[in-house]
Amino acid sequence: MKRTLIIGASTNPMRYAYKAANMLKGKGHEIINIGIKKGAVAGVDIELPGKIYDDVHTITLYIGPPLQKDYYDYILKTNPKRVVFNPGTENDELELLLKENGIEAEEACTLVMLATGQY
């Protein structure tokens, strides 16, 4: 199972981040919810960015490029194996930064990856 950090976690059931959190948990993955609003998703509290977690396999992004800049250092310090850029979150600048630091950047949809067994 892949420990996954969700940036842009939301308590809104209509948001893809909410759906991904529930699907990840449902498939047995440990999740860490990072967001700006208090609450919980899939039984896991949403935290503000700050605490650096060890052994994060994947960070999945649900915030657009303008907001991502504030997370660059946080992502690099977390040092995941990969970062998934969900549709609408693609960011050439961050992808280059990740590659320069030996982190895989993947433009994909976490929900589709999970549904098709590619996660």
PDB file of N, CA and C in Angstrom:
ATOM      1  N   MET A   1       0.839  -1.180   0.000  1.00  0.00           N
ATOM      2  CA  MET A   1       0.000   0.000   0.000  1.00  0.00           C
ATOM      3  C   MET A   1       0.884   1.243   0.000  1.00  0.00           C
ATOM      4  N   LYS A   2       0.390   2.277  -0.650  1.00  0.00           N
ATOM      5  CA  LYS A   2       1.179   3.491  -0.829  1.00  0.00           C
ATOM      6  C   LYS A   2       0.660   4.623   0.060  1.00  0.00           C
ATOM      7  N   ARG A   3       1.487   5.055   1.010  1.00  0.00           N
ATOM      8  CA  ARG A   3       1.121   6.186   1.873  1.00  0.00           C
ATOM      9  C   ARG A   3       0.997   7.420   0.977  1.00  0.00           C
ATOM     10  N   THR A   4      -0.173   8.040   1.009  1.00  0.00           N
ATOM     11  CA  THR A   4      -0.484   9.121   0.080  1.00  0.00           C
ATOM     12  C   THR A   4      -0.874  10.392   0.817  1.00  0.00           C
ATOM     13  N   LEU A   5      -0.250  11.489   0.426  1.00  0.00           N
ATOM     14  CA  LEU A   5      -0.543  12.803   0.976  1.00  0.00           C
ATOM     15  C   LEU A   5      -1.384  13.550  -0.056  1.00  0.00           C
ATOM     16  N   ILE A   6      -2.548  13.999   0.353  1.00  0.00           N
ATOM     17  CA  ILE A   6      -3.481  14.691  -0.539  1.00  0.00           C
ATOM     18  C   ILE A   6      -3.383  16.186  -0.264  1.00  0.00           C
ATOM     19  N   ILE A   7      -2.905  16.950  -1.238  1.00  0.00           N
ATOM     20  CA  ILE A   7      -2.842  18.406  -1.092  1.00  0.00           C
ATOM     21  C   ILE A   7      -4.069  18.995  -1.778  1.00  0.00           C
ATOM     22  N   GLY A   8      -4.868  19.687  -0.975  1.00  0.00           N
ATOM     23  CA  GLY A   8      -6.129  20.240  -1.473  1.00  0.00           C
ATOM     24  C   GLY A   8      -7.309  19.433  -0.968  1.00  0.00           C
ATOM     25  N   ALA A   9      -7.105  18.715   0.146  1.00  0.00           N
ATOM     26  CA  ALA A   9      -8.172  17.903   0.733  1.00  0.00           C
ATOM     27  C   ALA A   9      -9.396  18.769   1.024  1.00  0.00           C
ATOM     28  N   SER A  10     -10.572  18.179   0.836  1.00  0.00           N
ATOM     29  CA  SER A  10     -11.824  18.916   0.999  1.00  0.00           C
ATOM     30  C   SER A  10     -12.888  18.019   1.628  1.00  0.00           C
ATOM     31  N   THR A  11     -13.751  18.642   2.437  1.00  0.00           N
ATOM     32  CA  THR A  11     -14.872  17.912   3.026  1.00  0.00           C
ATOM     33  C   THR A  11     -16.099  17.934   2.111  1.00  0.00           C
ATOM     34  N   ASN A  12     -15.994  18.567   0.971  1.00  0.00           N
ATOM     35  CA  ASN A  12     -17.100  18.666   0.013  1.00  0.00           C
ATOM     36  C   ASN A  12     -17.182  17.389  -0.821  1.00  0.00           C
ATOM     37  N   PRO A  13     -18.257  16.610  -0.684  1.00  0.00           N
ATOM     38  CA  PRO A  13     -18.372  15.344  -1.416  1.00  0.00           C
ATOM     39  C   PRO A  13     -18.366  15.493  -2.944  1.00  0.00           C
ATOM     40  N   MET A  14     -18.555  16.705  -3.438  1.00  0.00           N
ATOM     41  CA  MET A  14     -18.546  16.927  -4.885  1.00  0.00           C
ATOM     42  C   MET A  14     -17.122  17.117  -5.430  1.00  0.00           C
ATOM     43  N   ARG A  15     -16.150  17.329  -4.552  1.00  0.00           N
ATOM     44  CA  ARG A  15     -14.769  17.589  -4.977  1.00  0.00           C
ATOM     45  C   ARG A  15     -14.041  16.268  -5.244  1.00  0.00           C
ATOM     46  N   TYR A  16     -13.176  16.291  -6.254  1.00  0.00           N
ATOM     47  CA  TYR A  16     -12.419  15.087  -6.594  1.00  0.00           C
ATOM     48  C   TYR A  16     -11.453  14.695  -5.485  1.00  0.00           C
ATOM     49  N   ALA A  17     -10.931  15.659  -4.748  1.00  0.00           N
ATOM     50  CA  ALA A  17     -10.038  15.335  -3.633  1.00  0.00           C
ATOM     51  C   ALA A  17     -10.772  14.501  -2.584  1.00  0.00           C
ATOM     52  N   TYR A  18     -12.031  14.831  -2.341  1.00  0.00           N
ATOM     53  CA  TYR A  18     -12.858  14.076  -1.390  1.00  0.00           C
ATOM     54  C   TYR A  18     -13.047  12.646  -1.899  1.00  0.00           C
ATOM     55  N   LYS A  19     -13.379  12.524  -3.171  1.00  0.00           N
ATOM     56  CA  LYS A  19     -13.597  11.200  -3.764  1.00  0.00           C
ATOM     57  C   LYS A  19     -12.312  10.374  -3.740  1.00  0.00           C
ATOM     58  N   ALA A  20     -11.181  11.026  -4.030  1.00  0.00           N
ATOM     59  CA  ALA A  20      -9.904  10.311  -4.032  1.00  0.00           C
ATOM     60  C   ALA A  20      -9.545   9.828  -2.630  1.00  0.00           C
ATOM     61  N   ALA A  21      -9.762  10.672  -1.620  1.00  0.00           N
ATOM     62  CA  ALA A  21      -9.456  10.266  -0.242  1.00  0.00           C
ATOM     63  C   ALA A  21     -10.236   9.015   0.133  1.00  0.00           C
ATOM     64  N   ASN A  22     -11.507   9.000  -0.192  1.00  0.00           N
ATOM     65  CA  ASN A  22     -12.337   7.842   0.140  1.00  0.00           C
ATOM     66  C   ASN A  22     -11.949   6.611  -0.664  1.00  0.00           C
ATOM     67  N   MET A  23     -11.625   6.792  -1.934  1.00  0.00           N
ATOM     68  CA  MET A  23     -11.236   5.644  -2.748  1.00  0.00           C
ATOM     69  C   MET A  23      -9.876   5.098  -2.290  1.00  0.00           C
ATOM     70  N   LEU A  24      -8.942   5.987  -1.982  1.00  0.00           N
ATOM     71  CA  LEU A  24      -7.638   5.536  -1.488  1.00  0.00           C
ATOM     72  C   LEU A  24      -7.804   4.713  -0.207  1.00  0.00           C
ATOM     73  N   LYS A  25      -8.553   5.244   0.754  1.00  0.00           N
ATOM     74  CA  LYS A  25      -8.797   4.514   2.005  1.00  0.00           C
ATOM     75  C   LYS A  25      -9.504   3.184   1.739  1.00  0.00           C
ATOM     76  N   GLY A  26     -10.481   3.232   0.850  1.00  0.00           N
ATOM     77  CA  GLY A  26     -11.226   2.022   0.519  1.00  0.00           C
ATOM     78  C   GLY A  26     -10.368   0.928  -0.077  1.00  0.00           C
ATOM     79  N   LYS A  27      -9.273   1.329  -0.705  1.00  0.00           N
ATOM     80  CA  LYS A  27      -8.358   0.355  -1.315  1.00  0.00           C
ATOM     81  C   LYS A  27      -7.181   0.042  -0.389  1.00  0.00           C
ATOM     82  N   GLY A  28      -7.255   0.538   0.868  1.00  0.00           N
ATOM     83  CA  GLY A  28      -6.261   0.171   1.866  1.00  0.00           C
ATOM     84  C   GLY A  28      -5.044   1.070   1.965  1.00  0.00           C
ATOM     85  N   HIS A  29      -5.028   2.193   1.260  1.00  0.00           N
ATOM     86  CA  HIS A  29      -3.893   3.111   1.331  1.00  0.00           C
ATOM     87  C   HIS A  29      -4.044   4.030   2.542  1.00  0.00           C
ATOM     88  N   GLU A  30      -2.941   4.301   3.208  1.00  0.00           N
ATOM     89  CA  GLU A  30      -2.934   5.287   4.291  1.00  0.00           C
ATOM     90  C   GLU A  30      -2.930   6.670   3.659  1.00  0.00           C
ATOM     91  N   ILE A  31      -3.768   7.575   4.164  1.00  0.00           N
ATOM     92  CA  ILE A  31      -3.820   8.920   3.604  1.00  0.00           C
ATOM     93  C   ILE A  31      -3.491   9.974   4.659  1.00  0.00           C
ATOM     94  N   ILE A  32      -2.975  11.082   4.173  1.00  0.00           N
ATOM     95  CA  ILE A  32      -2.736  12.273   4.970  1.00  0.00           C
ATOM     96  C   ILE A  32      -3.431  13.400   4.220  1.00  0.00           C
ATOM     97  N   ASN A  33      -4.384  14.049   4.861  1.00  0.00           N
ATOM     98  CA  ASN A  33      -5.144  15.133   4.230  1.00  0.00           C
ATOM     99  C   ASN A  33      -4.527  16.474   4.578  1.00  0.00           C
ATOM    100  N   ILE A  34      -4.157  17.237   3.561  1.00  0.00           N
ATOM    101  CA  ILE A  34      -3.616  18.574   3.740  1.00  0.00           C
ATOM    102  C   ILE A  34      -4.546  19.552   3.040  1.00  0.00           C
ATOM    103  N   GLY A  35      -4.979  20.567   3.776  1.00  0.00           N
ATOM    104  CA  GLY A  35      -5.883  21.553   3.200  1.00  0.00           C
ATOM    105  C   GLY A  35      -5.945  22.786   4.080  1.00  0.00           C
ATOM    106  N   ILE A  36      -6.831  23.715   3.717  1.00  0.00           N
ATOM    107  CA  ILE A  36      -6.919  24.980   4.462  1.00  0.00           C
ATOM    108  C   ILE A  36      -8.168  25.078   5.323  1.00  0.00           C
ATOM    109  N   LYS A  37      -9.111  24.159   5.137  1.00  0.00           N
ATOM    110  CA  LYS A  37     -10.340  24.189   5.928  1.00  0.00           C
ATOM    111  C   LYS A  37     -10.360  23.007   6.887  1.00  0.00           C
ATOM    112  N   LYS A  38     -10.852  23.258   8.098  1.00  0.00           N
ATOM    113  CA  LYS A  38     -10.939  22.197   9.102  1.00  0.00           C
ATOM    114  C   LYS A  38     -11.986  21.173   8.711  1.00  0.00           C
ATOM    115  N   GLY A  39     -11.797  19.983   9.209  1.00  0.00           N
ATOM    116  CA  GLY A  39     -12.738  18.907   8.964  1.00  0.00           C
ATOM    117  C   GLY A  39     -11.991  17.595   8.836  1.00  0.00           C
ATOM    118  N   ALA A  40     -12.700  16.590   8.398  1.00  0.00           N
ATOM    119  CA  ALA A  40     -12.107  15.275   8.192  1.00  0.00           C
ATOM    120  C   ALA A  40     -12.685  14.673   6.919  1.00  0.00           C
ATOM    121  N   VAL A  41     -11.880  13.865   6.275  1.00  0.00           N
ATOM    122  CA  VAL A  41     -12.304  13.152   5.071  1.00  0.00           C
ATOM    123  C   VAL A  41     -11.847  11.707   5.223  1.00  0.00           C
ATOM    124  N   ALA A  42     -12.729  10.783   4.962  1.00  0.00           N
ATOM    125  CA  ALA A  42     -12.435   9.353   5.063  1.00  0.00           C
ATOM    126  C   ALA A  42     -11.882   9.008   6.449  1.00  0.00           C
ATOM    127  N   GLY A  43     -12.386   9.713   7.469  1.00  0.00           N
ATOM    128  CA  GLY A  43     -11.975   9.449   8.838  1.00  0.00           C
ATOM    129  C   GLY A  43     -10.625  10.016   9.231  1.00  0.00           C
ATOM    130  N   VAL A  44     -10.051  10.860   8.375  1.00  0.00           N
ATOM    131  CA  VAL A  44      -8.730  11.437   8.636  1.00  0.00           C
ATOM    132  C   VAL A  44      -8.856  12.961   8.661  1.00  0.00           C
ATOM    133  N   ASP A  45      -8.380  13.582   9.739  1.00  0.00           N
ATOM    134  CA  ASP A  45      -8.448  15.040   9.856  1.00  0.00           C
ATOM    135  C   ASP A  45      -7.678  15.726   8.735  1.00  0.00           C
ATOM    136  N   ILE A  46      -8.177  16.890   8.340  1.00  0.00           N
ATOM    137  CA  ILE A  46      -7.466  17.742   7.392  1.00  0.00           C
ATOM    138  C   ILE A  46      -6.524  18.621   8.204  1.00  0.00           C
ATOM    139  N   GLU A  47      -5.256  18.629   7.814  1.00  0.00           N
ATOM    140  CA  GLU A  47      -4.229  19.401   8.496  1.00  0.00           C
ATOM    141  C   GLU A  47      -3.753  20.538   7.611  1.00  0.00           C
ATOM    142  N   LEU A  48      -3.256  21.588   8.245  1.00  0.00           N
ATOM    143  CA  LEU A  48      -2.554  22.630   7.503  1.00  0.00           C
ATOM    144  C   LEU A  48      -1.187  22.087   7.115  1.00  0.00           C
ATOM    145  N   PRO A  49      -0.623  22.567   6.000  1.00  0.00           N
ATOM    146  CA  PRO A  49       0.724  22.095   5.652  1.00  0.00           C
ATOM    147  C   PRO A  49       1.715  22.556   6.716  1.00  0.00           C
ATOM    148  N   GLY A  50       2.673  21.756   6.976  1.00  0.00           N
ATOM    149  CA  GLY A  50       3.671  22.121   7.976  1.00  0.00           C
ATOM    150  C   GLY A  50       4.452  20.910   8.434  1.00  0.00           C
ATOM    151  N   LYS A  51       3.754  19.946   9.032  1.00  0.00           N
ATOM    152  CA  LYS A  51       4.428  18.736   9.497  1.00  0.00           C
ATOM    153  C   LYS A  51       4.943  17.963   8.287  1.00  0.00           C
ATOM    154  N   ILE A  52       6.210  17.599   8.351  1.00  0.00           N
ATOM    155  CA  ILE A  52       6.810  16.816   7.272  1.00  0.00           C
ATOM    156  C   ILE A  52       6.673  15.339   7.635  1.00  0.00           C
ATOM    157  N   TYR A  53       6.066  14.587   6.749  1.00  0.00           N
ATOM    158  CA  TYR A  53       5.854  13.154   6.974  1.00  0.00           C
ATOM    159  C   TYR A  53       6.942  12.342   6.282  1.00  0.00           C
ATOM    160  N   ASP A  54       7.330  11.264   6.933  1.00  0.00           N
ATOM    161  CA  ASP A  54       8.304  10.337   6.356  1.00  0.00           C
ATOM    162  C   ASP A  54       7.567   9.263   5.563  1.00  0.00           C
ATOM    163  N   ASP A  55       8.265   8.663   4.666  1.00  0.00           N
ATOM    164  CA  ASP A  55       7.761   7.501   3.930  1.00  0.00           C
ATOM    165  C   ASP A  55       6.472   7.775   3.162  1.00  0.00           C
ATOM    166  N   VAL A  56       6.347   8.957   2.601  1.00  0.00           N
ATOM    167  CA  VAL A  56       5.210   9.239   1.721  1.00  0.00           C
ATOM    168  C   VAL A  56       5.587   8.745   0.334  1.00  0.00           C
ATOM    169  N   HIS A  57       4.785   7.842  -0.190  1.00  0.00           N
ATOM    170  CA  HIS A  57       5.054   7.336  -1.527  1.00  0.00           C
ATOM    171  C   HIS A  57       4.582   8.325  -2.587  1.00  0.00           C
ATOM    172  N   THR A  58       3.349   8.820  -2.422  1.00  0.00           N
ATOM    173  CA  THR A  58       2.737   9.662  -3.446  1.00  0.00           C
ATOM    174  C   THR A  58       2.116  10.901  -2.825  1.00  0.00           C
ATOM    175  N   ILE A  59       2.328  12.037  -3.479  1.00  0.00           N
ATOM    176  CA  ILE A  59       1.552  13.235  -3.196  1.00  0.00           C
ATOM    177  C   ILE A  59       0.633  13.419  -4.388  1.00  0.00           C
ATOM    178  N   THR A  60      -0.657  13.571  -4.132  1.00  0.00           N
ATOM    179  CA  THR A  60      -1.616  13.809  -5.204  1.00  0.00           C
ATOM    180  C   THR A  60      -2.157  15.228  -5.043  1.00  0.00           C
ATOM    181  N   LEU A  61      -2.064  16.004  -6.118  1.00  0.00           N
ATOM    182  CA  LEU A  61      -2.394  17.428  -6.082  1.00  0.00           C
ATOM    183  C   LEU A  61      -3.817  17.709  -6.545  1.00  0.00           C
ATOM    184  N   TYR A  62      -4.504  18.514  -5.747  1.00  0.00           N
ATOM    185  CA  TYR A  62      -5.843  18.987  -6.093  1.00  0.00           C
ATOM    186  C   TYR A  62      -5.943  20.508  -5.938  1.00  0.00           C
ATOM    187  N   ILE A  63      -4.817  21.195  -6.139  1.00  0.00           N
ATOM    188  CA  ILE A  63      -4.819  22.656  -6.161  1.00  0.00           C
ATOM    189  C   ILE A  63      -4.112  23.106  -7.435  1.00  0.00           C
ATOM    190  N   GLY A  64      -4.544  24.226  -7.978  1.00  0.00           N
ATOM    191  CA  GLY A  64      -3.992  24.733  -9.227  1.00  0.00           C
ATOM    192  C   GLY A  64      -2.595  25.308  -9.073  1.00  0.00           C
ATOM    193  N   PRO A  65      -1.915  25.521 -10.200  1.00  0.00           N
ATOM    194  CA  PRO A  65      -0.542  26.031 -10.186  1.00  0.00           C
ATOM    195  C   PRO A  65      -0.323  27.312  -9.378  1.00  0.00           C
ATOM    196  N   PRO A  66      -1.220  28.302  -9.423  1.00  0.00           N
ATOM    197  CA  PRO A  66      -0.944  29.512  -8.634  1.00  0.00           C
ATOM    198  C   PRO A  66      -0.821  29.227  -7.125  1.00  0.00           C
ATOM    199  N   LEU A  67      -1.581  28.292  -6.613  1.00  0.00           N
ATOM    200  CA  LEU A  67      -1.517  27.947  -5.189  1.00  0.00           C
ATOM    201  C   LEU A  67      -0.363  26.997  -4.870  1.00  0.00           C
ATOM    202  N   GLN A  68       0.091  26.263  -5.871  1.00  0.00           N
ATOM    203  CA  GLN A  68       1.144  25.272  -5.645  1.00  0.00           C
ATOM    204  C   GLN A  68       2.460  25.894  -5.205  1.00  0.00           C
ATOM    205  N   LYS A  69       2.749  27.110  -5.655  1.00  0.00           N
ATOM    206  CA  LYS A  69       4.028  27.756  -5.314  1.00  0.00           C
ATOM    207  C   LYS A  69       4.272  27.764  -3.801  1.00  0.00           C
ATOM    208  N   ASP A  70       3.211  27.969  -3.028  1.00  0.00           N
ATOM    209  CA  ASP A  70       3.348  27.985  -1.574  1.00  0.00           C
ATOM    210  C   ASP A  70       3.698  26.612  -0.998  1.00  0.00           C
ATOM    211  N   TYR A  71       3.578  25.578  -1.808  1.00  0.00           N
ATOM    212  CA  TYR A  71       3.808  24.208  -1.347  1.00  0.00           C
ATOM    213  C   TYR A  71       5.117  23.604  -1.870  1.00  0.00           C
ATOM    214  N   TYR A  72       5.834  24.311  -2.719  1.00  0.00           N
ATOM    215  CA  TYR A  72       7.049  23.747  -3.319  1.00  0.00           C
ATOM    216  C   TYR A  72       8.004  23.187  -2.260  1.00  0.00           C
ATOM    217  N   ASP A  73       8.372  24.010  -1.267  1.00  0.00           N
ATOM    218  CA  ASP A  73       9.314  23.555  -0.236  1.00  0.00           C
ATOM    219  C   ASP A  73       8.749  22.388   0.557  1.00  0.00           C
ATOM    220  N   TYR A  74       7.470  22.463   0.879  1.00  0.00           N
ATOM    221  CA  TYR A  74       6.816  21.395   1.632  1.00  0.00           C
ATOM    222  C   TYR A  74       6.892  20.070   0.860  1.00  0.00           C
ATOM    223  N   ILE A  75       6.598  20.124  -0.426  1.00  0.00           N
ATOM    224  CA  ILE A  75       6.637  18.916  -1.259  1.00  0.00           C
ATOM    225  C   ILE A  75       8.050  18.360  -1.315  1.00  0.00           C
ATOM    226  N   LEU A  76       9.031  19.229  -1.558  1.00  0.00           N
ATOM    227  CA  LEU A  76      10.416  18.762  -1.656  1.00  0.00           C
ATOM    228  C   LEU A  76      10.915  18.191  -0.336  1.00  0.00           C
ATOM    229  N   LYS A  77      10.558  18.808   0.783  1.00  0.00           N
ATOM    230  CA  LYS A  77      10.974  18.294   2.090  1.00  0.00           C
ATOM    231  C   LYS A  77      10.305  16.963   2.404  1.00  0.00           C
ATOM    232  N   THR A  78       9.090  16.781   1.941  1.00  0.00           N
ATOM    233  CA  THR A  78       8.397  15.500   2.139  1.00  0.00           C
ATOM    234  C   THR A  78       9.098  14.396   1.348  1.00  0.00           C
ATOM    235  N   ASN A  79       9.665  14.751   0.210  1.00  0.00           N
ATOM    236  CA  ASN A  79      10.454  13.837  -0.626  1.00  0.00           C
ATOM    237  C   ASN A  79       9.708  12.555  -0.987  1.00  0.00           C
ATOM    238  N   PRO A  80       8.549  12.691  -1.629  1.00  0.00           N
ATOM    239  CA  PRO A  80       7.814  11.487  -2.037  1.00  0.00           C
ATOM    240  C   PRO A  80       8.503  10.797  -3.211  1.00  0.00           C
ATOM    241  N   LYS A  81       8.073   9.600  -3.499  1.00  0.00           N
ATOM    242  CA  LYS A  81       8.572   8.898  -4.689  1.00  0.00           C
ATOM    243  C   LYS A  81       7.993   9.545  -5.956  1.00  0.00           C
ATOM    244  N   ARG A  82       6.723   9.998  -5.863  1.00  0.00           N
ATOM    245  CA  ARG A  82       6.091  10.623  -7.033  1.00  0.00           C
ATOM    246  C   ARG A  82       5.061  11.654  -6.591  1.00  0.00           C
ATOM    247  N   VAL A  83       4.763  12.544  -7.541  1.00  0.00           N
ATOM    248  CA  VAL A  83       3.696  13.517  -7.384  1.00  0.00           C
ATOM    249  C   VAL A  83       2.758  13.340  -8.570  1.00  0.00           C
ATOM    250  N   VAL A  84       1.479  13.167  -8.270  1.00  0.00           N
ATOM    251  CA  VAL A  84       0.464  13.028  -9.319  1.00  0.00           C
ATOM    252  C   VAL A  84      -0.201  14.383  -9.515  1.00  0.00           C
ATOM    253  N   PHE A  85      -0.120  14.875 -10.750  1.00  0.00           N
ATOM    254  CA  PHE A  85      -0.783  16.111 -11.148  1.00  0.00           C
ATOM    255  C   PHE A  85      -2.125  15.723 -11.756  1.00  0.00           C
ATOM    256  N   ASN A  86      -3.177  15.863 -10.972  1.00  0.00           N
ATOM    257  CA  ASN A  86      -4.520  15.557 -11.462  1.00  0.00           C
ATOM    258  C   ASN A  86      -4.927  16.601 -12.496  1.00  0.00           C
ATOM    259  N   PRO A  87      -5.927  16.302 -13.334  1.00  0.00           N
ATOM    260  CA  PRO A  87      -6.343  17.259 -14.360  1.00  0.00           C
ATOM    261  C   PRO A  87      -6.600  18.649 -13.775  1.00  0.00           C
ATOM    262  N   GLY A  88      -5.995  19.644 -14.417  1.00  0.00           N
ATOM    263  CA  GLY A  88      -6.128  21.024 -13.973  1.00  0.00           C
ATOM    264  C   GLY A  88      -5.026  21.485 -13.037  1.00  0.00           C
ATOM    265  N   THR A  89      -4.166  20.557 -12.614  1.00  0.00           N
ATOM    266  CA  THR A  89      -3.085  20.925 -11.694  1.00  0.00           C
ATOM    267  C   THR A  89      -1.714  20.882 -12.375  1.00  0.00           C
ATOM    268  N   GLU A  90      -1.673  20.607 -13.656  1.00  0.00           N
ATOM    269  CA  GLU A  90      -0.408  20.490 -14.377  1.00  0.00           C
ATOM    270  C   GLU A  90       0.404  21.776 -14.203  1.00  0.00           C
ATOM    271  N   ASN A  91       1.732  21.604 -14.003  1.00  0.00           N
ATOM    272  CA  ASN A  91       2.594  22.744 -13.697  1.00  0.00           C
ATOM    273  C   ASN A  91       4.013  22.409 -14.142  1.00  0.00           C
ATOM    274  N   ASP A  92       4.425  22.938 -15.288  1.00  0.00           N
ATOM    275  CA  ASP A  92       5.756  22.640 -15.834  1.00  0.00           C
ATOM    276  C   ASP A  92       6.875  23.034 -14.877  1.00  0.00           C
ATOM    277  N   GLU A  93       6.730  24.164 -14.212  1.00  0.00           N
ATOM    278  CA  GLU A  93       7.760  24.640 -13.290  1.00  0.00           C
ATOM    279  C   GLU A  93       7.963  23.648 -12.134  1.00  0.00           C
ATOM    280  N   LEU A  94       6.882  23.212 -11.520  1.00  0.00           N
ATOM    281  CA  LEU A  94       6.979  22.261 -10.418  1.00  0.00           C
ATOM    282  C   LEU A  94       7.453  20.901 -10.912  1.00  0.00           C
ATOM    283  N   GLU A  95       6.991  20.475 -12.073  1.00  0.00           N
ATOM    284  CA  GLU A  95       7.426  19.188 -12.613  1.00  0.00           C
ATOM    285  C   GLU A  95       8.933  19.176 -12.832  1.00  0.00           C
ATOM    286  N   LEU A  96       9.488  20.266 -13.351  1.00  0.00           N
ATOM    287  CA  LEU A  96      10.928  20.355 -13.557  1.00  0.00           C
ATOM    288  C   LEU A  96      11.667  20.319 -12.218  1.00  0.00           C
ATOM    289  N   LEU A  97      11.169  21.047 -11.240  1.00  0.00           N
ATOM    290  CA  LEU A  97      11.761  21.069  -9.906  1.00  0.00           C
ATOM    291  C   LEU A  97      11.767  19.669  -9.284  1.00  0.00           C
ATOM    292  N   LEU A  98      10.668  18.947  -9.467  1.00  0.00           N
ATOM    293  CA  LEU A  98      10.595  17.582  -8.945  1.00  0.00           C
ATOM    294  C   LEU A  98      11.634  16.688  -9.610  1.00  0.00           C
ATOM    295  N   LYS A  99      11.690  16.747 -10.935  1.00  0.00           N
ATOM    296  CA  LYS A  99      12.639  15.904 -11.669  1.00  0.00           C
ATOM    297  C   LYS A  99      14.073  16.211 -11.268  1.00  0.00           C
ATOM    298  N   GLU A 100      14.381  17.504 -11.052  1.00  0.00           N
ATOM    299  CA  GLU A 100      15.728  17.892 -10.614  1.00  0.00           C
ATOM    300  C   GLU A 100      16.059  17.313  -9.241  1.00  0.00           C
ATOM    301  N   ASN A 101      15.048  16.985  -8.473  1.00  0.00           N
ATOM    302  CA  ASN A 101      15.236  16.429  -7.134  1.00  0.00           C
ATOM    303  C   ASN A 101      14.958  14.933  -7.067  1.00  0.00           C
ATOM    304  N   GLY A 102      14.895  14.283  -8.208  1.00  0.00           N
ATOM    305  CA  GLY A 102      14.741  12.837  -8.262  1.00  0.00           C
ATOM    306  C   GLY A 102      13.359  12.322  -7.891  1.00  0.00           C
ATOM    307  N   ILE A 103      12.343  13.177  -8.052  1.00  0.00           N
ATOM    308  CA  ILE A 103      10.971  12.795  -7.730  1.00  0.00           C
ATOM    309  C   ILE A 103      10.186  12.662  -9.029  1.00  0.00           C
ATOM    310  N   GLU A 104       9.508  11.549  -9.193  1.00  0.00           N
ATOM    311  CA  GLU A 104       8.716  11.308 -10.401  1.00  0.00           C
ATOM    312  C   GLU A 104       7.514  12.245 -10.438  1.00  0.00           C
ATOM    313  N   ALA A 105       7.292  12.859 -11.581  1.00  0.00           N
ATOM    314  CA  ALA A 105       6.115  13.707 -11.803  1.00  0.00           C
ATOM    315  C   ALA A 105       5.231  13.002 -12.820  1.00  0.00           C
ATOM    316  N   GLU A 106       3.962  12.822 -12.467  1.00  0.00           N
ATOM    317  CA  GLU A 106       3.050  12.087 -13.336  1.00  0.00           C
ATOM    318  C   GLU A 106       1.759  12.870 -13.524  1.00  0.00           C
ATOM    319  N   GLU A 107       1.456  13.205 -14.782  1.00  0.00           N
ATOM    320  CA  GLU A 107       0.192  13.855 -15.103  1.00  0.00           C
ATOM    321  C   GLU A 107      -0.831  12.749 -15.330  1.00  0.00           C
ATOM    322  N   ALA A 108      -1.740  12.616 -14.384  1.00  0.00           N
ATOM    323  CA  ALA A 108      -2.710  11.522 -14.427  1.00  0.00           C
ATOM    324  C   ALA A 108      -3.873  11.869 -13.515  1.00  0.00           C
ATOM    325  N   CYS A 109      -4.828  10.974 -13.440  1.00  0.00           N
ATOM    326  CA  CYS A 109      -5.970  11.137 -12.549  1.00  0.00           C
ATOM    327  C   CYS A 109      -5.916  10.027 -11.502  1.00  0.00           C
ATOM    328  N   THR A 110      -5.790  10.422 -10.253  1.00  0.00           N
ATOM    329  CA  THR A 110      -5.704   9.446  -9.168  1.00  0.00           C
ATOM    330  C   THR A 110      -6.902   8.503  -9.171  1.00  0.00           C
ATOM    331  N   LEU A 111      -8.092   9.036  -9.403  1.00  0.00           N
ATOM    332  CA  LEU A 111      -9.301   8.199  -9.413  1.00  0.00           C
ATOM    333  C   LEU A 111      -9.245   7.139 -10.504  1.00  0.00           C
ATOM    334  N   VAL A 112      -8.804   7.527 -11.692  1.00  0.00           N
ATOM    335  CA  VAL A 112      -8.706   6.577 -12.799  1.00  0.00           C
ATOM    336  C   VAL A 112      -7.611   5.553 -12.509  1.00  0.00           C
ATOM    337  N   MET A 113      -6.479   6.026 -11.984  1.00  0.00           N
ATOM    338  CA  MET A 113      -5.400   5.106 -11.647  1.00  0.00           C
ATOM    339  C   MET A 113      -5.873   4.051 -10.648  1.00  0.00           C
ATOM    340  N   LEU A 114      -6.595   4.470  -9.636  1.00  0.00           N
ATOM    341  CA  LEU A 114      -7.101   3.529  -8.636  1.00  0.00           C
ATOM    342  C   LEU A 114      -8.121   2.571  -9.249  1.00  0.00           C
ATOM    343  N   ALA A 115      -9.017   3.097 -10.066  1.00  0.00           N
ATOM    344  CA  ALA A 115     -10.094   2.283 -10.649  1.00  0.00           C
ATOM    345  C   ALA A 115      -9.544   1.233 -11.620  1.00  0.00           C
ATOM    346  N   THR A 116      -8.405   1.523 -12.250  1.00  0.00           N
ATOM    347  CA  THR A 116      -7.855   0.615 -13.258  1.00  0.00           C
ATOM    348  C   THR A 116      -6.682  -0.201 -12.740  1.00  0.00           C
ATOM    349  N   GLY A 117      -6.384  -0.097 -11.443  1.00  0.00           N
ATOM    350  CA  GLY A 117      -5.301  -0.875 -10.866  1.00  0.00           C
ATOM    351  C   GLY A 117      -3.907  -0.375 -11.229  1.00  0.00           C
ATOM    352  N   GLN A 118      -3.785   0.887 -11.662  1.00  0.00           N
ATOM    353  CA  GLN A 118      -2.485   1.443 -12.052  1.00  0.00           C
ATOM    354  C   GLN A 118      -1.832   2.266 -10.955  1.00  0.00           C
ATOM    355  N   TYR A 119      -2.467   2.345  -9.795  1.00  0.00           N
ATOM    356  CA  TYR A 119      -1.953   3.182  -8.725  1.00  0.00           C
ATOM    357  C   TYR A 119      -0.797   2.479  -8.041  1.00  0.00           C
TER     358      TYR A 119
END
